[in-house]
PDB file of N, CA and C in Angstrom:
ATOM      1  N   MET A   1       0.837  -1.184   0.000  1.00  0.00           N
ATOM      2  CA  MET A   1       0.000   0.000   0.000  1.00  0.00           C
ATOM      3  C   MET A   1       0.878   1.243   0.000  1.00  0.00           C
ATOM      4  N   GLN A   2       0.578   2.178  -0.880  1.00  0.00           N
ATOM      5  CA  GLN A   2       1.328   3.419  -0.959  1.00  0.00           C
ATOM      6  C   GLN A   2       0.591   4.531  -0.226  1.00  0.00           C
ATOM      7  N   GLY A   3       1.369   5.503   0.243  1.00  0.00           N
ATOM      8  CA  GLY A   3       0.792   6.664   0.900  1.00  0.00           C
ATOM      9  C   GLY A   3       0.255   7.642  -0.124  1.00  0.00           C
ATOM     10  N   GLY A   4      -0.330   8.701   0.369  1.00  0.00           N
ATOM     11  CA  GLY A   4      -0.888   9.725  -0.497  1.00  0.00           C
ATOM     12  C   GLY A   4       0.129  10.803  -0.823  1.00  0.00           C
ATOM     13  N   THR A   5      -0.343  11.804  -1.490  1.00  0.00           N
ATOM     14  CA  THR A   5       0.478  12.954  -1.845  1.00  0.00           C
ATOM     15  C   THR A   5       0.391  13.969  -0.716  1.00  0.00           C
ATOM     16  N   ILE A   6       1.529  14.417  -0.231  1.00  0.00           N
ATOM     17  CA  ILE A   6       1.567  15.415   0.832  1.00  0.00           C
ATOM     18  C   ILE A   6       1.900  16.771   0.230  1.00  0.00           C
ATOM     19  N   ILE A   7       1.067  17.743   0.531  1.00  0.00           N
ATOM     20  CA  ILE A   7       1.306  19.129   0.118  1.00  0.00           C
ATOM     21  C   ILE A   7       1.364  19.960   1.394  1.00  0.00           C
ATOM     22  N   ALA A   8       2.537  20.474   1.699  1.00  0.00           N
ATOM     23  CA  ALA A   8       2.733  21.274   2.907  1.00  0.00           C
ATOM     24  C   ALA A   8       2.471  22.740   2.580  1.00  0.00           C
ATOM     25  N   ALA A   9       1.492  23.307   3.252  1.00  0.00           N
ATOM     26  CA  ALA A   9       1.085  24.693   3.003  1.00  0.00           C
ATOM     27  C   ALA A   9       2.121  25.685   3.501  1.00  0.00           C
ATOM     28  N   HIS A  10       2.006  26.896   2.998  1.00  0.00           N
ATOM     29  CA  HIS A  10       2.840  28.025   3.423  1.00  0.00           C
ATOM     30  C   HIS A  10       4.333  27.721   3.248  1.00  0.00           C
ATOM     31  N   LEU A  11       4.651  27.126   2.108  1.00  0.00           N
ATOM     32  CA  LEU A  11       6.035  26.759   1.772  1.00  0.00           C
ATOM     33  C   LEU A  11       6.641  25.861   2.849  1.00  0.00           C
ATOM     34  N   GLY A  12       5.801  24.975   3.385  1.00  0.00           N
ATOM     35  CA  GLY A  12       6.281  23.985   4.332  1.00  0.00           C
ATOM     36  C   GLY A  12       6.155  24.355   5.788  1.00  0.00           C
ATOM     37  N   GLY A  13       5.826  25.590   6.085  1.00  0.00           N
ATOM     38  CA  GLY A  13       5.661  25.975   7.488  1.00  0.00           C
ATOM     39  C   GLY A  13       5.757  27.465   7.696  1.00  0.00           C
ATOM     40  N   GLN A  14       4.635  28.095   7.931  1.00  0.00           N
ATOM     41  CA  GLN A  14       4.600  29.553   8.111  1.00  0.00           C
ATOM     42  C   GLN A  14       5.617  30.001   9.158  1.00  0.00           C
ATOM     43  N   GLY A  15       6.562  30.797   8.729  1.00  0.00           N
ATOM     44  CA  GLY A  15       7.563  31.347   9.622  1.00  0.00           C
ATOM     45  C   GLY A  15       8.678  30.390  10.002  1.00  0.00           C
ATOM     46  N   GLN A  16       8.664  29.194   9.455  1.00  0.00           N
ATOM     47  CA  GLN A  16       9.672  28.175   9.777  1.00  0.00           C
ATOM     48  C   GLN A  16      10.565  27.885   8.567  1.00  0.00           C
ATOM     49  N   TRP A  17      10.808  28.885   7.747  1.00  0.00           N
ATOM     50  CA  TRP A  17      11.453  28.643   6.456  1.00  0.00           C
ATOM     51  C   TRP A  17      12.922  28.260   6.564  1.00  0.00           C
ATOM     52  N   ASP A  18      13.597  28.639   7.639  1.00  0.00           N
ATOM     53  CA  ASP A  18      14.971  28.149   7.820  1.00  0.00           C
ATOM     54  C   ASP A  18      14.955  26.632   7.980  1.00  0.00           C
ATOM     55  N   ASP A  19      14.010  26.120   8.770  1.00  0.00           N
ATOM     56  CA  ASP A  19      13.874  24.674   8.946  1.00  0.00           C
ATOM     57  C   ASP A  19      13.423  23.999   7.655  1.00  0.00           C
ATOM     58  N   VAL A  20      12.505  24.639   6.945  1.00  0.00           N
ATOM     59  CA  VAL A  20      12.061  24.088   5.655  1.00  0.00           C
ATOM     60  C   VAL A  20      13.250  23.949   4.723  1.00  0.00           C
ATOM     61  N   GLU A  21      14.055  24.998   4.646  1.00  0.00           N
ATOM     62  CA  GLU A  21      15.214  24.970   3.751  1.00  0.00           C
ATOM     63  C   GLU A  21      16.188  23.859   4.151  1.00  0.00           C
ATOM     64  N   LYS A  22      16.387  23.661   5.440  1.00  0.00           N
ATOM     65  CA  LYS A  22      17.332  22.652   5.927  1.00  0.00           C
ATOM     66  C   LYS A  22      16.772  21.240   5.882  1.00  0.00           C
ATOM     67  N   ILE A  23      15.492  21.064   6.226  1.00  0.00           N
ATOM     68  CA  ILE A  23      14.938  19.734   6.466  1.00  0.00           C
ATOM     69  C   ILE A  23      14.012  19.255   5.347  1.00  0.00           C
ATOM     70  N   LEU A  24      13.066  20.081   4.930  1.00  0.00           N
ATOM     71  CA  LEU A  24      12.065  19.630   3.963  1.00  0.00           C
ATOM     72  C   LEU A  24      12.491  19.769   2.513  1.00  0.00           C
ATOM     73  N   ALA A  25      13.236  20.829   2.196  1.00  0.00           N
ATOM     74  CA  ALA A  25      13.629  21.050   0.799  1.00  0.00           C
ATOM     75  C   ALA A  25      14.429  19.858   0.301  1.00  0.00           C
ATOM     76  N   GLY A  26      13.972  19.296  -0.797  1.00  0.00           N
ATOM     77  CA  GLY A  26      14.603  18.118  -1.372  1.00  0.00           C
ATOM     78  C   GLY A  26      13.925  16.821  -0.984  1.00  0.00           C
ATOM     79  N   SER A  27      12.947  16.884  -0.076  1.00  0.00           N
ATOM     80  CA  SER A  27      12.237  15.670   0.343  1.00  0.00           C
ATOM     81  C   SER A  27      11.123  15.346  -0.651  1.00  0.00           C
ATOM     82  N   ASP A  28      10.454  14.226  -0.427  1.00  0.00           N
ATOM     83  CA  ASP A  28       9.434  13.742  -1.359  1.00  0.00           C
ATOM     84  C   ASP A  28       8.042  14.252  -0.993  1.00  0.00           C
ATOM     85  N   ILE A  29       7.915  15.563  -0.825  1.00  0.00           N
ATOM     86  CA  ILE A  29       6.620  16.185  -0.588  1.00  0.00           C
ATOM     87  C   ILE A  29       6.503  17.399  -1.501  1.00  0.00           C
ATOM     88  N   TYR A  30       5.313  17.934  -1.592  1.00  0.00           N
ATOM     89  CA  TYR A  30       5.091  19.167  -2.327  1.00  0.00           C
ATOM     90  C   TYR A  30       4.989  20.307  -1.322  1.00  0.00           C
ATOM     91  N   LEU A  31       5.410  21.483  -1.738  1.00  0.00           N
ATOM     92  CA  LEU A  31       5.272  22.701  -0.950  1.00  0.00           C
ATOM     93  C   LEU A  31       4.389  23.652  -1.734  1.00  0.00           C
ATOM     94  N   ASP A  32       3.516  24.380  -1.056  1.00  0.00           N
ATOM     95  CA  ASP A  32       2.745  25.390  -1.780  1.00  0.00           C
ATOM     96  C   ASP A  32       3.138  26.792  -1.327  1.00  0.00           C
ATOM     97  N   THR A  33       2.768  27.761  -2.130  1.00  0.00           N
ATOM     98  CA  THR A  33       3.197  29.144  -1.912  1.00  0.00           C
ATOM     99  C   THR A  33       2.178  29.968  -1.138  1.00  0.00           C
ATOM    100  N   SER A  34       1.155  29.341  -0.582  1.00  0.00           N
ATOM    101  CA  SER A  34       0.036  30.090  -0.007  1.00  0.00           C
ATOM    102  C   SER A  34       0.473  31.145   1.002  1.00  0.00           C
ATOM    103  N   MET A  35      -0.064  32.339   0.762  1.00  0.00           N
ATOM    104  CA  MET A  35       0.142  33.502   1.624  1.00  0.00           C
ATOM    105  C   MET A  35       1.599  33.669   2.023  1.00  0.00           C
ATOM    106  N   GLY A  36       2.482  33.547   1.046  1.00  0.00           N
ATOM    107  CA  GLY A  36       3.884  33.575   1.389  1.00  0.00           C
ATOM    108  C   GLY A  36       4.662  34.772   0.922  1.00  0.00           C
ATOM    109  N   PHE A  37       4.409  35.234  -0.284  1.00  0.00           N
ATOM    110  CA  PHE A  37       5.290  36.238  -0.869  1.00  0.00           C
ATOM    111  C   PHE A  37       5.364  37.521  -0.052  1.00  0.00           C
ATOM    112  N   GLU A  38       4.349  37.806   0.735  1.00  0.00           N
ATOM    113  CA  GLU A  38       4.428  39.001   1.577  1.00  0.00           C
ATOM    114  C   GLU A  38       5.133  38.719   2.903  1.00  0.00           C
ATOM    115  N   TYR A  39       5.457  37.446   3.158  1.00  0.00           N
ATOM    116  CA  TYR A  39       6.089  37.081   4.423  1.00  0.00           C
ATOM    117  C   TYR A  39       7.499  36.523   4.284  1.00  0.00           C
ATOM    118  N   TYR A  40       7.718  35.586   3.362  1.00  0.00           N
ATOM    119  CA  TYR A  40       9.055  35.009   3.306  1.00  0.00           C
ATOM    120  C   TYR A  40       9.990  35.822   2.424  1.00  0.00           C
ATOM    121  N   ASP A  41      11.257  35.723   2.762  1.00  0.00           N
ATOM    122  CA  ASP A  41      12.306  36.389   2.013  1.00  0.00           C
ATOM    123  C   ASP A  41      12.389  35.779   0.617  1.00  0.00           C
ATOM    124  N   HIS A  42      12.368  36.610  -0.398  1.00  0.00           N
ATOM    125  CA  HIS A  42      12.348  36.105  -1.770  1.00  0.00           C
ATOM    126  C   HIS A  42      13.632  35.367  -2.131  1.00  0.00           C
ATOM    127  N   GLU A  43      14.754  35.768  -1.561  1.00  0.00           N
ATOM    128  CA  GLU A  43      16.011  35.038  -1.803  1.00  0.00           C
ATOM    129  C   GLU A  43      15.913  33.632  -1.221  1.00  0.00           C
ATOM    130  N   GLN A  44      15.326  33.522  -0.043  1.00  0.00           N
ATOM    131  CA  GLN A  44      15.168  32.201   0.566  1.00  0.00           C
ATOM    132  C   GLN A  44      14.174  31.362  -0.244  1.00  0.00           C
ATOM    133  N   PHE A  45      13.106  31.981  -0.715  1.00  0.00           N
ATOM    134  CA  PHE A  45      12.150  31.277  -1.575  1.00  0.00           C
ATOM    135  C   PHE A  45      12.881  30.671  -2.772  1.00  0.00           C
ATOM    136  N   LEU A  46      13.732  31.453  -3.411  1.00  0.00           N
ATOM    137  CA  LEU A  46      14.465  30.958  -4.577  1.00  0.00           C
ATOM    138  C   LEU A  46      15.406  29.822  -4.201  1.00  0.00           C
ATOM    139  N   ARG A  47      16.069  29.926  -3.060  1.00  0.00           N
ATOM    140  CA  ARG A  47      16.945  28.825  -2.618  1.00  0.00           C
ATOM    141  C   ARG A  47      16.141  27.553  -2.394  1.00  0.00           C
ATOM    142  N   ILE A  48      14.973  27.690  -1.785  1.00  0.00           N
ATOM    143  CA  ILE A  48      14.123  26.525  -1.536  1.00  0.00           C
ATOM    144  C   ILE A  48      13.655  25.929  -2.855  1.00  0.00           C
ATOM    145  N   VAL A  49      13.224  26.764  -3.795  1.00  0.00           N
ATOM    146  CA  VAL A  49      12.789  26.262  -5.106  1.00  0.00           C
ATOM    147  C   VAL A  49      13.924  25.514  -5.782  1.00  0.00           C
ATOM    148  N   HIS A  50      15.112  26.066  -5.772  1.00  0.00           N
ATOM    149  CA  HIS A  50      16.238  25.407  -6.447  1.00  0.00           C
ATOM    150  C   HIS A  50      16.619  24.102  -5.758  1.00  0.00           C
ATOM    151  N   LYS A  51      16.561  24.074  -4.429  1.00  0.00           N
ATOM    152  CA  LYS A  51      16.917  22.853  -3.701  1.00  0.00           C
ATOM    153  C   LYS A  51      15.812  21.797  -3.792  1.00  0.00           C
ATOM    154  N   HIS A  52      14.570  22.240  -3.717  1.00  0.00           N
ATOM    155  CA  HIS A  52      13.442  21.313  -3.695  1.00  0.00           C
ATOM    156  C   HIS A  52      13.028  20.880  -5.097  1.00  0.00           C
ATOM    157  N   GLY A  53      13.155  21.791  -6.055  1.00  0.00           N
ATOM    158  CA  GLY A  53      12.727  21.533  -7.426  1.00  0.00           C
ATOM    159  C   GLY A  53      11.414  22.210  -7.721  1.00  0.00           C
ATOM    160  N   ALA A  54      11.384  22.981  -8.791  1.00  0.00           N
ATOM    161  CA  ALA A  54      10.155  23.685  -9.178  1.00  0.00           C
ATOM    162  C   ALA A  54       9.029  22.705  -9.494  1.00  0.00           C
ATOM    163  N   ASP A  55       9.367  21.469  -9.804  1.00  0.00           N
ATOM    164  CA  ASP A  55       8.352  20.460 -10.113  1.00  0.00           C
ATOM    165  C   ASP A  55       7.602  19.972  -8.872  1.00  0.00           C
ATOM    166  N   ARG A  56       8.009  20.435  -7.687  1.00  0.00           N
ATOM    167  CA  ARG A  56       7.329  20.046  -6.449  1.00  0.00           C
ATOM    168  C   ARG A  56       6.870  21.265  -5.640  1.00  0.00           C
ATOM    169  N   ILE A  57       6.704  22.392  -6.338  1.00  0.00           N
ATOM    170  CA  ILE A  57       6.177  23.613  -5.710  1.00  0.00           C
ATOM    171  C   ILE A  57       4.858  23.941  -6.402  1.00  0.00           C
ATOM    172  N   LEU A  58       3.830  24.244  -5.620  1.00  0.00           N
ATOM    173  CA  LEU A  58       2.508  24.557  -6.157  1.00  0.00           C
ATOM    174  C   LEU A  58       2.116  25.978  -5.785  1.00  0.00           C
ATOM    175  N   PHE A  59       1.605  26.711  -6.763  1.00  0.00           N
ATOM    176  CA  PHE A  59       1.055  28.027  -6.470  1.00  0.00           C
ATOM    177  C   PHE A  59      -0.226  27.832  -5.664  1.00  0.00           C
ATOM    178  N   ALA A  60      -0.378  28.630  -4.624  1.00  0.00           N
ATOM    179  CA  ALA A  60      -1.595  28.602  -3.823  1.00  0.00           C
ATOM    180  C   ALA A  60      -1.767  29.959  -3.157  1.00  0.00           C
ATOM    181  N   THR A  61      -2.989  30.252  -2.787  1.00  0.00           N
ATOM    182  CA  THR A  61      -3.270  31.470  -2.039  1.00  0.00           C
ATOM    183  C   THR A  61      -3.946  31.061  -0.741  1.00  0.00           C
ATOM    184  N   ASP A  62      -4.112  31.976   0.120  1.00  0.00           N
ATOM    185  CA  ASP A  62      -4.808  31.716   1.368  1.00  0.00           C
ATOM    186  C   ASP A  62      -5.958  32.701   1.465  1.00  0.00           C
ATOM    187  N   SER A  63      -6.768  32.685   0.422  1.00  0.00           N
ATOM    188  CA  SER A  63      -7.887  33.602   0.332  1.00  0.00           C
ATOM    189  C   SER A  63      -8.891  33.285   1.436  1.00  0.00           C
ATOM    190  N   PRO A  64      -9.420  34.249   2.087  1.00  0.00           N
ATOM    191  CA  PRO A  64      -9.394  35.674   1.790  1.00  0.00           C
ATOM    192  C   PRO A  64      -8.269  36.441   2.482  1.00  0.00           C
ATOM    193  N   TRP A  65      -7.309  35.756   3.092  1.00  0.00           N
ATOM    194  CA  TRP A  65      -6.254  36.439   3.834  1.00  0.00           C
ATOM    195  C   TRP A  65      -5.142  36.976   2.956  1.00  0.00           C
ATOM    196  N   SER A  66      -5.080  36.535   1.732  1.00  0.00           N
ATOM    197  CA  SER A  66      -4.101  37.097   0.795  1.00  0.00           C
ATOM    198  C   SER A  66      -4.781  37.313  -0.546  1.00  0.00           C
ATOM    199  N   ASP A  67      -4.196  38.154  -1.333  1.00  0.00           N
ATOM    200  CA  ASP A  67      -4.740  38.537  -2.631  1.00  0.00           C
ATOM    201  C   ASP A  67      -4.132  37.639  -3.711  1.00  0.00           C
ATOM    202  N   ALA A  68      -4.932  36.782  -4.312  1.00  0.00           N
ATOM    203  CA  ALA A  68      -4.447  35.836  -5.318  1.00  0.00           C
ATOM    204  C   ALA A  68      -3.745  36.542  -6.472  1.00  0.00           C
ATOM    205  N   ARG A  69      -4.286  37.657  -6.897  1.00  0.00           N
ATOM    206  CA  ARG A  69      -3.688  38.396  -8.008  1.00  0.00           C
ATOM    207  C   ARG A  69      -2.290  38.892  -7.640  1.00  0.00           C
ATOM    208  N   ALA A  70      -2.144  39.420  -6.437  1.00  0.00           N
ATOM    209  CA  ALA A  70      -0.840  39.911  -5.982  1.00  0.00           C
ATOM    210  C   ALA A  70       0.141  38.749  -5.803  1.00  0.00           C
ATOM    211  N   GLU A  71      -0.340  37.623  -5.281  1.00  0.00           N
ATOM    212  CA  GLU A  71       0.522  36.453  -5.104  1.00  0.00           C
ATOM    213  C   GLU A  71       1.031  35.946  -6.453  1.00  0.00           C
ATOM    214  N   LEU A  72       0.140  35.873  -7.437  1.00  0.00           N
ATOM    215  CA  LEU A  72       0.543  35.406  -8.767  1.00  0.00           C
ATOM    216  C   LEU A  72       1.520  36.383  -9.409  1.00  0.00           C
ATOM    217  N   LYS A  73       1.281  37.672  -9.232  1.00  0.00           N
ATOM    218  CA  LYS A  73       2.204  38.682  -9.762  1.00  0.00           C
ATOM    219  C   LYS A  73       3.580  38.517  -9.122  1.00  0.00           C
ATOM    220  N   SER A  74       3.624  38.293  -7.820  1.00  0.00           N
ATOM    221  CA  SER A  74       4.904  38.086  -7.141  1.00  0.00           C
ATOM    222  C   SER A  74       5.623  36.862  -7.687  1.00  0.00           C
ATOM    223  N   LEU A  75       4.882  35.777  -7.905  1.00  0.00           N
ATOM    224  CA  LEU A  75       5.502  34.576  -8.482  1.00  0.00           C
ATOM    225  C   LEU A  75       6.085  34.881  -9.846  1.00  0.00           C
ATOM    226  N   ARG A  76       5.314  35.542 -10.673  1.00  0.00           N
ATOM    227  CA  ARG A  76       5.744  35.798 -12.055  1.00  0.00           C
ATOM    228  C   ARG A  76       6.914  36.775 -12.152  1.00  0.00           C
ATOM    229  N   THR A  77       7.188  37.511 -11.094  1.00  0.00           N
ATOM    230  CA  THR A  77       8.325  38.443 -11.132  1.00  0.00           C
ATOM    231  C   THR A  77       9.597  37.843 -10.534  1.00  0.00           C
ATOM    232  N   GLN A  78       9.519  36.593 -10.078  1.00  0.00           N
ATOM    233  CA  GLN A  78      10.715  35.941  -9.530  1.00  0.00           C
ATOM    234  C   GLN A  78      11.678  35.594 -10.665  1.00  0.00           C
ATOM    235  N   PRO A  79      12.974  35.639 -10.397  1.00  0.00           N
ATOM    236  CA  PRO A  79      13.953  35.311 -11.436  1.00  0.00           C
ATOM    237  C   PRO A  79      14.067  33.789 -11.626  1.00  0.00           C
ATOM    238  N   LEU A  80      12.987  33.214 -12.151  1.00  0.00           N
ATOM    239  CA  LEU A  80      12.925  31.792 -12.476  1.00  0.00           C
ATOM    240  C   LEU A  80      12.662  31.667 -13.968  1.00  0.00           C
ATOM    241  N   SER A  81      12.931  30.508 -14.522  1.00  0.00           N
ATOM    242  CA  SER A  81      12.660  30.294 -15.941  1.00  0.00           C
ATOM    243  C   SER A  81      11.153  30.295 -16.184  1.00  0.00           C
ATOM    244  N   ALA A  82      10.763  30.571 -17.415  1.00  0.00           N
ATOM    245  CA  ALA A  82       9.342  30.555 -17.769  1.00  0.00           C
ATOM    246  C   ALA A  82       8.761  29.166 -17.508  1.00  0.00           C
ATOM    247  N   LYS A  83       9.539  28.121 -17.758  1.00  0.00           N
ATOM    248  CA  LYS A  83       9.077  26.751 -17.513  1.00  0.00           C
ATOM    249  C   LYS A  83       8.825  26.533 -16.021  1.00  0.00           C
ATOM    250  N   ASP A  84       9.749  26.970 -15.171  1.00  0.00           N
ATOM    251  CA  ASP A  84       9.576  26.813 -13.721  1.00  0.00           C
ATOM    252  C   ASP A  84       8.343  27.567 -13.234  1.00  0.00           C
ATOM    253  N   ILE A  85       8.149  28.782 -13.709  1.00  0.00           N
ATOM    254  CA  ILE A  85       6.990  29.572 -13.294  1.00  0.00           C
ATOM    255  C   ILE A  85       5.700  28.895 -13.743  1.00  0.00           C
ATOM    256  N   GLU A  86       5.672  28.358 -14.955  1.00  0.00           N
ATOM    257  CA  GLU A  86       4.477  27.667 -15.454  1.00  0.00           C
ATOM    258  C   GLU A  86       4.194  26.428 -14.626  1.00  0.00           C
ATOM    259  N   MET A  87       5.233  25.674 -14.280  1.00  0.00           N
ATOM    260  CA  MET A  87       5.037  24.477 -13.454  1.00  0.00           C
ATOM    261  C   MET A  87       4.443  24.862 -12.104  1.00  0.00           C
ATOM    262  N   ILE A  88       5.026  25.884 -11.470  1.00  0.00           N
ATOM    263  CA  ILE A  88       4.556  26.306 -10.156  1.00  0.00           C
ATOM    264  C   ILE A  88       3.140  26.887 -10.247  1.00  0.00           C
ATOM    265  N   ALA A  89       2.898  27.730 -11.243  1.00  0.00           N
ATOM    266  CA  ALA A  89       1.616  28.427 -11.367  1.00  0.00           C
ATOM    267  C   ALA A  89       0.454  27.472 -11.631  1.00  0.00           C
ATOM    268  N   SER A  90       0.676  26.423 -12.436  1.00  0.00           N
ATOM    269  CA  SER A  90      -0.453  25.540 -12.756  1.00  0.00           C
ATOM    270  C   SER A  90      -0.057  24.146 -13.202  1.00  0.00           C
ATOM    271  N   GLY A  91       1.087  24.001 -13.806  1.00  0.00           N
ATOM    272  CA  GLY A  91       1.460  22.712 -14.383  1.00  0.00           C
ATOM    273  C   GLY A  91       1.555  21.582 -13.379  1.00  0.00           C
ATOM    274  N   ASN A  92       2.144  21.858 -12.231  1.00  0.00           N
ATOM    275  CA  ASN A  92       2.286  20.809 -11.224  1.00  0.00           C
ATOM    276  C   ASN A  92       0.923  20.372 -10.684  1.00  0.00           C
ATOM    277  N   ALA A  93       0.045  21.310 -10.435  1.00  0.00           N
ATOM    278  CA  ALA A  93      -1.296  20.970  -9.945  1.00  0.00           C
ATOM    279  C   ALA A  93      -2.043  20.142 -10.987  1.00  0.00           C
ATOM    280  N   ARG A  94      -1.956  20.540 -12.247  1.00  0.00           N
ATOM    281  CA  ARG A  94      -2.623  19.771 -13.309  1.00  0.00           C
ATOM    282  C   ARG A  94      -2.072  18.348 -13.367  1.00  0.00           C
ATOM    283  N   ARG A  95      -0.752  18.211 -13.231  1.00  0.00           N
ATOM    284  CA  ARG A  95      -0.134  16.886 -13.275  1.00  0.00           C
ATOM    285  C   ARG A  95      -0.603  16.030 -12.098  1.00  0.00           C
ATOM    286  N   ILE A  96      -0.578  16.586 -10.890  1.00  0.00           N
ATOM    287  CA  ILE A  96      -0.998  15.833  -9.690  1.00  0.00           C
ATOM    288  C   ILE A  96      -2.464  15.417  -9.794  1.00  0.00           C
ATOM    289  N   LEU A  97      -3.301  16.323 -10.279  1.00  0.00           N
ATOM    290  CA  LEU A  97      -4.747  16.063 -10.352  1.00  0.00           C
ATOM    291  C   LEU A  97      -5.147  15.282 -11.603  1.00  0.00           C
ATOM    292  N   GLY A  98      -4.205  15.109 -12.524  1.00  0.00           N
ATOM    293  CA  GLY A  98      -4.508  14.375 -13.744  1.00  0.00           C
ATOM    294  C   GLY A  98      -5.431  15.113 -14.690  1.00  0.00           C
ATOM    295  N   ILE A  99      -5.302  16.447 -14.739  1.00  0.00           N
ATOM    296  CA  ILE A  99      -6.158  17.235 -15.641  1.00  0.00           C
ATOM    297  C   ILE A  99      -5.326  18.007 -16.647  1.00  0.00           C
TER     298      ILE A  99
END
């Protein structure tokens, strides 16, 4: 019997991003970006993406506590490849959900 898919919200732990970078980044789970860009350091976000892999990061919001449009704009302005941004923005979710 296999386990399910784990998606850790708030990039693995709201306010615990040093631990996420050290412990979770690179593990076999997904991380989402919910309500993060206004809180986590963008340099650290990029380090986590590079260590964990853009193929295991999912765009998410924490509506109504964050603005989805602003979160997506923040993602799209990160210095990542167009492919990485597309995977994070929607491609990974489509792949996981089979749509």
